[in-house]
Every structure is written in C-alpha cells, then in structure tokens.
Amino acid sequence: MKTKLPLHVRLLMASVLIVSVCAGKYDVPTGESDPDGRPSSQVGDRTGSSPRESWEYDTMPAPAPSETPFERVNELSFEYNSHSLDRQGIAICRQTAAQVRLMPQARVMIVGFSHERELDRGLGLRRAEQVRRYMAGLGIDNSRLETASYGIEFSENSDPAYPHRMKQGQSVEIWILEK
C-alpha cells in the first residue's frame, strides 16, 4: 500500500523542482532528439542541444554596446504592445541570471526588438530595460548590464539566408560581451 506524502512535503518537492528548472540545473525533456540521437531539452527559448550563437548582425543596435557581443545565452518573447514579463519570461531571466553568476567577470548586453505593427516605437528598448531591471533585482550588478535596441529594424525580414534576421518582433536577446 502506497502512503501519500503530506501536502507540505509535496509542495516543497514541487518548489525545489521549479527552482531547479528556473536556475537551469534541471533541463525539461522535450521528447525530441539532437543530431546524435541524444534527447534534447528546453531551457528558456533555447534547446540544451543548440550550439551557442555568435554575433552576426551587420549593424549594431542603439545605443551601441561597449564591446562586441560574444555569444547569445538566451532569448525571450513578449506579448503584443507589452514590455511586461510573463511567467516564461521570468523563468528565462532567472535561468540566465544563474548562468551569469557563474561568470563573475562577464558583462551582459540585453537587446530589445519590437514589431512594426506595435504602436510604441520605443518598445524594444523598454523591453530590454525591463529584463535589465529584473536581472538586477536577482542580484546581477547593474554595472555588468547594458541595454540596447534594434527597434523594428528586423521586424519583417524573413530572408532564409540569414536565419538570425528572421522575424524577431516582440523579443529580447541576452548576450555575453567579449572580454
């Protein structure tokens, strides 16, 4: 006969799992496989089997970063005409902050995008600022965080030769700057 764990123990176990997922210590299986046949997992909007992405934009966002972005560590999406973080955005920020804490010398650039049909042209920068504020609230020093925006520059660009320029409206990318 199975005994049921008390509610407070089940809640504690669930909260440990949630914190582990948000901190990136536990990858959530997606049921897909990478090219080598290993199971893939989802962390933020990136899969655990995805290679790190290098900076391939032809132009710099505004304001320009102090150094060239080195690798993208995560990305998150926003609702139409909004710069508020939803549950998934908060989880991605927490997971990214945990990664950044493991790199004490690294500086981070947060780049916002907006869609051309959104009413507010400054929404990309406000999205980046919202992510910066949240990550600073998680203990990442403000001096390590920079924000920038491409605004609507890549909103409708769908040239398959440049997959990094696919429709990116309503999003934020988080990059590590070169050392």
C-alpha atoms as a PDB file:
ATOM      1  CA  MET A   1       0.000   0.000   0.000  1.00  0.00           C
ATOM      2  CA  LYS A   2       1.376   3.394  -1.010  1.00  0.00           C
ATOM      3  CA  THR A   3       1.429   6.154   1.572  1.00  0.00           C
ATOM      4  CA  LYS A   4       0.676   9.624   0.378  1.00  0.00           C
ATOM      5  CA  LEU A   5       3.218  12.275   1.316  1.00  0.00           C
ATOM      6  CA  PRO A   6       1.912  15.167   3.404  1.00  0.00           C
ATOM      7  CA  LEU A   7       0.910  18.251   1.415  1.00  0.00           C
ATOM      8  CA  HIS A   8       3.737  20.401   2.797  1.00  0.00           C
ATOM      9  CA  VAL A   9       6.324  17.807   1.642  1.00  0.00           C
ATOM     10  CA  ARG A  10       4.786  17.579  -1.848  1.00  0.00           C
ATOM     11  CA  LEU A  11       4.741  21.391  -2.114  1.00  0.00           C
ATOM     12  CA  LEU A  12       8.366  21.576  -1.007  1.00  0.00           C
ATOM     13  CA  MET A  13       9.376  18.977  -3.593  1.00  0.00           C
ATOM     14  CA  ALA A  14       7.471  20.833  -6.326  1.00  0.00           C
ATOM     15  CA  SER A  15       9.083  24.158  -5.400  1.00  0.00           C
ATOM     16  CA  VAL A  16      12.580  22.594  -5.472  1.00  0.00           C
ATOM     17  CA  LEU A  17      11.855  21.246  -8.966  1.00  0.00           C
ATOM     18  CA  ILE A  18      10.561  24.625 -10.162  1.00  0.00           C
ATOM     19  CA  VAL A  19      13.603  26.460  -8.776  1.00  0.00           C
ATOM     20  CA  SER A  20      15.908  23.858 -10.366  1.00  0.00           C
ATOM     21  CA  VAL A  21      14.260  24.334 -13.765  1.00  0.00           C
ATOM     22  CA  CYS A  22      14.438  28.138 -13.467  1.00  0.00           C
ATOM     23  CA  ALA A  23      18.083  28.024 -12.370  1.00  0.00           C
ATOM     24  CA  GLY A  24      18.978  25.771 -15.291  1.00  0.00           C
ATOM     25  CA  LYS A  25      20.027  22.881 -13.030  1.00  0.00           C
ATOM     26  CA  TYR A  26      17.388  20.621 -14.492  1.00  0.00           C
ATOM     27  CA  ASP A  27      16.513  20.565 -18.187  1.00  0.00           C
ATOM     28  CA  VAL A  28      12.938  19.817 -19.163  1.00  0.00           C
ATOM     29  CA  PRO A  29      12.822  16.970 -21.735  1.00  0.00           C
ATOM     30  CA  THR A  30      11.127  17.948 -24.990  1.00  0.00           C
ATOM     31  CA  GLY A  31      10.782  14.455 -26.457  1.00  0.00           C
ATOM     32  CA  GLU A  32      12.956  15.457 -29.418  1.00  0.00           C
ATOM     33  CA  SER A  33      16.466  14.232 -30.219  1.00  0.00           C
ATOM     34  CA  ASP A  34      19.572  16.103 -31.276  1.00  0.00           C
ATOM     35  CA  PRO A  35      21.555  15.000 -34.385  1.00  0.00           C
ATOM     36  CA  ASP A  36      23.496  12.446 -32.295  1.00  0.00           C
ATOM     37  CA  GLY A  37      20.260  10.826 -31.084  1.00  0.00           C
ATOM     38  CA  ARG A  38      20.511  12.189 -27.540  1.00  0.00           C
ATOM     39  CA  PRO A  39      17.326  13.613 -26.011  1.00  0.00           C
ATOM     40  CA  SER A  40      17.025  17.368 -26.332  1.00  0.00           C
ATOM     41  CA  SER A  41      15.820  19.609 -23.532  1.00  0.00           C
ATOM     42  CA  GLN A  42      14.311  23.061 -23.338  1.00  0.00           C
ATOM     43  CA  VAL A  43      15.943  25.802 -21.272  1.00  0.00           C
ATOM     44  CA  GLY A  44      14.363  29.183 -21.848  1.00  0.00           C
ATOM     45  CA  ASP A  45      13.706  29.573 -25.558  1.00  0.00           C
ATOM     46  CA  ARG A  46      16.900  27.669 -26.427  1.00  0.00           C
ATOM     47  CA  THR A  47      17.292  23.907 -26.525  1.00  0.00           C
ATOM     48  CA  GLY A  48      20.001  22.228 -24.487  1.00  0.00           C
ATOM     49  CA  SER A  49      21.484  20.741 -27.658  1.00  0.00           C
ATOM     50  CA  SER A  50      21.612  24.085 -29.525  1.00  0.00           C
ATOM     51  CA  PRO A  51      25.084  25.444 -30.251  1.00  0.00           C
ATOM     52  CA  ARG A  52      25.908  28.881 -28.901  1.00  0.00           C
ATOM     53  CA  GLU A  53      25.109  31.619 -31.386  1.00  0.00           C
ATOM     54  CA  SER A  54      27.726  34.182 -32.403  1.00  0.00           C
ATOM     55  CA  TRP A  55      27.084  37.807 -33.286  1.00  0.00           C
ATOM     56  CA  GLU A  56      26.290  38.013 -36.999  1.00  0.00           C
ATOM     57  CA  TYR A  57      24.347  41.261 -37.271  1.00  0.00           C
ATOM     58  CA  ASP A  58      25.716  43.669 -39.892  1.00  0.00           C
ATOM     59  CA  THR A  59      24.848  46.691 -37.773  1.00  0.00           C
ATOM     60  CA  MET A  60      24.969  47.498 -34.070  1.00  0.00           C
ATOM     61  CA  PRO A  61      21.886  48.307 -32.011  1.00  0.00           C
ATOM     62  CA  ALA A  62      21.372  51.690 -30.382  1.00  0.00           C
ATOM     63  CA  PRO A  63      22.956  52.586 -28.098  1.00  0.00           C
ATOM     64  CA  ALA A  64      25.969  50.666 -29.378  1.00  0.00           C
ATOM     65  CA  PRO A  65      27.469  48.199 -26.892  1.00  0.00           C
ATOM     66  CA  SER A  66      30.793  48.972 -25.220  1.00  0.00           C
ATOM     67  CA  GLU A  67      32.257  45.759 -26.694  1.00  0.00           C
ATOM     68  CA  THR A  68      31.304  43.306 -29.426  1.00  0.00           C
ATOM     69  CA  PRO A  69      28.745  40.752 -28.250  1.00  0.00           C
ATOM     70  CA  PHE A  70      30.404  37.344 -27.980  1.00  0.00           C
ATOM     71  CA  GLU A  71      27.648  34.745 -27.622  1.00  0.00           C
ATOM     72  CA  ARG A  72      23.900  34.704 -27.153  1.00  0.00           C
ATOM     73  CA  VAL A  73      22.887  32.939 -23.959  1.00  0.00           C
ATOM     74  CA  ASN A  74      19.117  33.283 -24.127  1.00  0.00           C
ATOM     75  CA  GLU A  75      16.079  34.985 -25.620  1.00  0.00           C
ATOM     76  CA  LEU A  76      12.544  35.653 -24.506  1.00  0.00           C
ATOM     77  CA  SER A  77       9.304  36.852 -26.058  1.00  0.00           C
ATOM     78  CA  PHE A  78       6.780  39.490 -25.053  1.00  0.00           C
ATOM     79  CA  GLU A  79       3.101  39.938 -25.698  1.00  0.00           C
ATOM     80  CA  TYR A  80       1.989  42.354 -28.424  1.00  0.00           C
ATOM     81  CA  ASN A  81       2.392  46.021 -27.329  1.00  0.00           C
ATOM     82  CA  SER A  82       3.757  44.981 -23.922  1.00  0.00           C
ATOM     83  CA  HIS A  83       7.037  45.195 -22.058  1.00  0.00           C
ATOM     84  CA  SER A  84       5.807  43.203 -19.039  1.00  0.00           C
ATOM     85  CA  LEU A  85       7.466  39.896 -18.221  1.00  0.00           C
ATOM     86  CA  ASP A  86       5.177  36.870 -18.180  1.00  0.00           C
ATOM     87  CA  ARG A  87       5.857  33.623 -16.271  1.00  0.00           C
ATOM     88  CA  GLN A  88       8.039  32.209 -19.027  1.00  0.00           C
ATOM     89  CA  GLY A  89       9.994  35.466 -19.288  1.00  0.00           C
ATOM     90  CA  ILE A  90      10.597  35.483 -15.528  1.00  0.00           C
ATOM     91  CA  ALA A  91      11.796  31.857 -15.652  1.00  0.00           C
ATOM     92  CA  ILE A  92      14.173  32.666 -18.526  1.00  0.00           C
ATOM     93  CA  CYS A  93      15.534  35.719 -16.654  1.00  0.00           C
ATOM     94  CA  ARG A  94      16.140  33.606 -13.542  1.00  0.00           C
ATOM     95  CA  GLN A  95      17.865  30.880 -15.539  1.00  0.00           C
ATOM     96  CA  THR A  96      20.024  33.451 -17.326  1.00  0.00           C
ATOM     97  CA  ALA A  97      20.912  35.225 -14.066  1.00  0.00           C
ATOM     98  CA  ALA A  98      22.061  31.878 -12.653  1.00  0.00           C
ATOM     99  CA  GLN A  99      24.299  31.403 -15.717  1.00  0.00           C
ATOM    100  CA  VAL A 100      25.703  34.933 -15.437  1.00  0.00           C
ATOM    101  CA  ARG A 101      26.502  34.438 -11.729  1.00  0.00           C
ATOM    102  CA  LEU A 102      28.809  31.580 -12.777  1.00  0.00           C
ATOM    103  CA  MET A 103      30.766  34.070 -14.939  1.00  0.00           C
ATOM    104  CA  PRO A 104      31.702  36.798 -12.412  1.00  0.00           C
ATOM    105  CA  GLN A 105      33.772  38.828 -14.907  1.00  0.00           C
ATOM    106  CA  ALA A 106      31.279  38.659 -17.778  1.00  0.00           C
ATOM    107  CA  ARG A 107      29.261  41.644 -18.845  1.00  0.00           C
ATOM    108  CA  VAL A 108      25.842  41.244 -20.429  1.00  0.00           C
ATOM    109  CA  MET A 109      24.078  43.090 -23.226  1.00  0.00           C
ATOM    110  CA  ILE A 110      20.298  42.882 -23.420  1.00  0.00           C
ATOM    111  CA  VAL A 111      18.929  43.731 -26.882  1.00  0.00           C
ATOM    112  CA  GLY A 112      15.253  44.519 -27.423  1.00  0.00           C
ATOM    113  CA  PHE A 113      13.194  44.223 -30.601  1.00  0.00           C
ATOM    114  CA  SER A 114       9.715  45.411 -31.473  1.00  0.00           C
ATOM    115  CA  HIS A 115       7.320  44.609 -34.273  1.00  0.00           C
ATOM    116  CA  GLU A 116       6.495  47.239 -36.902  1.00  0.00           C
ATOM    117  CA  ARG A 117       2.762  46.899 -36.134  1.00  0.00           C
ATOM    118  CA  GLU A 118       3.209  47.707 -32.446  1.00  0.00           C
ATOM    119  CA  LEU A 119       2.077  51.200 -31.552  1.00  0.00           C
ATOM    120  CA  ASP A 120       5.115  52.198 -29.473  1.00  0.00           C
ATOM    121  CA  ARG A 121       8.356  52.629 -31.444  1.00  0.00           C
ATOM    122  CA  GLY A 122      10.461  52.624 -28.233  1.00  0.00           C
ATOM    123  CA  LEU A 123       9.071  49.313 -27.047  1.00  0.00           C
ATOM    124  CA  GLY A 124      12.226  47.314 -27.889  1.00  0.00           C
ATOM    125  CA  LEU A 125      14.364  49.407 -25.541  1.00  0.00           C
ATOM    126  CA  ARG A 126      11.704  49.306 -22.810  1.00  0.00           C
ATOM    127  CA  ARG A 127      11.636  45.500 -23.086  1.00  0.00           C
ATOM    128  CA  ALA A 128      15.421  45.367 -22.710  1.00  0.00           C
ATOM    129  CA  GLU A 129      15.240  47.738 -19.716  1.00  0.00           C
ATOM    130  CA  GLN A 130      12.553  45.575 -18.086  1.00  0.00           C
ATOM    131  CA  VAL A 131      14.796  42.497 -18.374  1.00  0.00           C
ATOM    132  CA  ARG A 132      17.780  44.502 -17.039  1.00  0.00           C
ATOM    133  CA  ARG A 133      15.781  45.661 -14.001  1.00  0.00           C
ATOM    134  CA  TYR A 134      14.566  42.140 -13.282  1.00  0.00           C
ATOM    135  CA  MET A 135      18.054  40.636 -13.548  1.00  0.00           C
ATOM    136  CA  ALA A 136      19.455  43.404 -11.331  1.00  0.00           C
ATOM    137  CA  GLY A 137      16.757  42.504  -8.820  1.00  0.00           C
ATOM    138  CA  LEU A 138      18.075  38.935  -8.920  1.00  0.00           C
ATOM    139  CA  GLY A 139      21.491  40.137  -7.769  1.00  0.00           C
ATOM    140  CA  ILE A 140      23.322  40.843 -11.038  1.00  0.00           C
ATOM    141  CA  ASP A 141      25.217  44.121 -10.573  1.00  0.00           C
ATOM    142  CA  ASN A 142      23.851  46.932 -12.767  1.00  0.00           C
ATOM    143  CA  SER A 143      27.392  47.795 -13.897  1.00  0.00           C
ATOM    144  CA  ARG A 144      27.534  44.396 -15.657  1.00  0.00           C
ATOM    145  CA  LEU A 145      24.319  45.001 -17.624  1.00  0.00           C
ATOM    146  CA  GLU A 146      23.927  47.070 -20.806  1.00  0.00           C
ATOM    147  CA  THR A 147      20.751  47.600 -22.812  1.00  0.00           C
ATOM    148  CA  ALA A 148      20.204  48.384 -26.472  1.00  0.00           C
ATOM    149  CA  SER A 149      17.505  48.056 -29.116  1.00  0.00           C
ATOM    150  CA  TYR A 150      17.116  47.352 -32.788  1.00  0.00           C
ATOM    151  CA  GLY A 151      13.533  48.574 -32.576  1.00  0.00           C
ATOM    152  CA  ILE A 152      11.679  47.472 -35.715  1.00  0.00           C
ATOM    153  CA  GLU A 153      14.808  47.112 -37.898  1.00  0.00           C
ATOM    154  CA  PHE A 154      14.416  43.334 -38.341  1.00  0.00           C
ATOM    155  CA  SER A 155      10.661  43.176 -37.858  1.00  0.00           C
ATOM    156  CA  GLU A 156       9.634  41.672 -41.188  1.00  0.00           C
ATOM    157  CA  ASN A 157      12.934  40.445 -42.587  1.00  0.00           C
ATOM    158  CA  SER A 158      12.363  36.801 -43.484  1.00  0.00           C
ATOM    159  CA  ASP A 159      15.332  36.027 -45.747  1.00  0.00           C
ATOM    160  CA  PRO A 160      16.159  32.339 -45.097  1.00  0.00           C
ATOM    161  CA  ALA A 161      19.821  33.019 -45.949  1.00  0.00           C
ATOM    162  CA  TYR A 162      20.023  34.977 -42.669  1.00  0.00           C
ATOM    163  CA  PRO A 163      18.190  32.936 -40.022  1.00  0.00           C
ATOM    164  CA  HIS A 164      19.275  35.348 -37.257  1.00  0.00           C
ATOM    165  CA  ARG A 165      17.269  38.037 -39.046  1.00  0.00           C
ATOM    166  CA  MET A 166      14.001  36.131 -39.170  1.00  0.00           C
ATOM    167  CA  LYS A 167      11.007  37.897 -37.736  1.00  0.00           C
ATOM    168  CA  GLN A 168      12.156  38.957 -34.274  1.00  0.00           C
ATOM    169  CA  GLY A 169       9.467  41.370 -33.191  1.00  0.00           C
ATOM    170  CA  GLN A 170       8.339  41.288 -29.579  1.00  0.00           C
ATOM    171  CA  SER A 171      11.535  39.769 -28.189  1.00  0.00           C
ATOM    172  CA  VAL A 172      14.730  40.334 -26.217  1.00  0.00           C
ATOM    173  CA  GLU A 173      18.086  38.645 -26.768  1.00  0.00           C
ATOM    174  CA  ILE A 174      20.640  38.306 -23.961  1.00  0.00           C
ATOM    175  CA  TRP A 175      24.313  38.340 -24.999  1.00  0.00           C
ATOM    176  CA  ILE A 176      27.654  37.978 -23.221  1.00  0.00           C
ATOM    177  CA  LEU A 177      30.082  40.723 -24.275  1.00  0.00           C
ATOM    178  CA  GLU A 178      33.655  39.915 -25.313  1.00  0.00           C
ATOM    179  CA  LYS A 179      36.252  40.135 -22.568  1.00  0.00           C
END
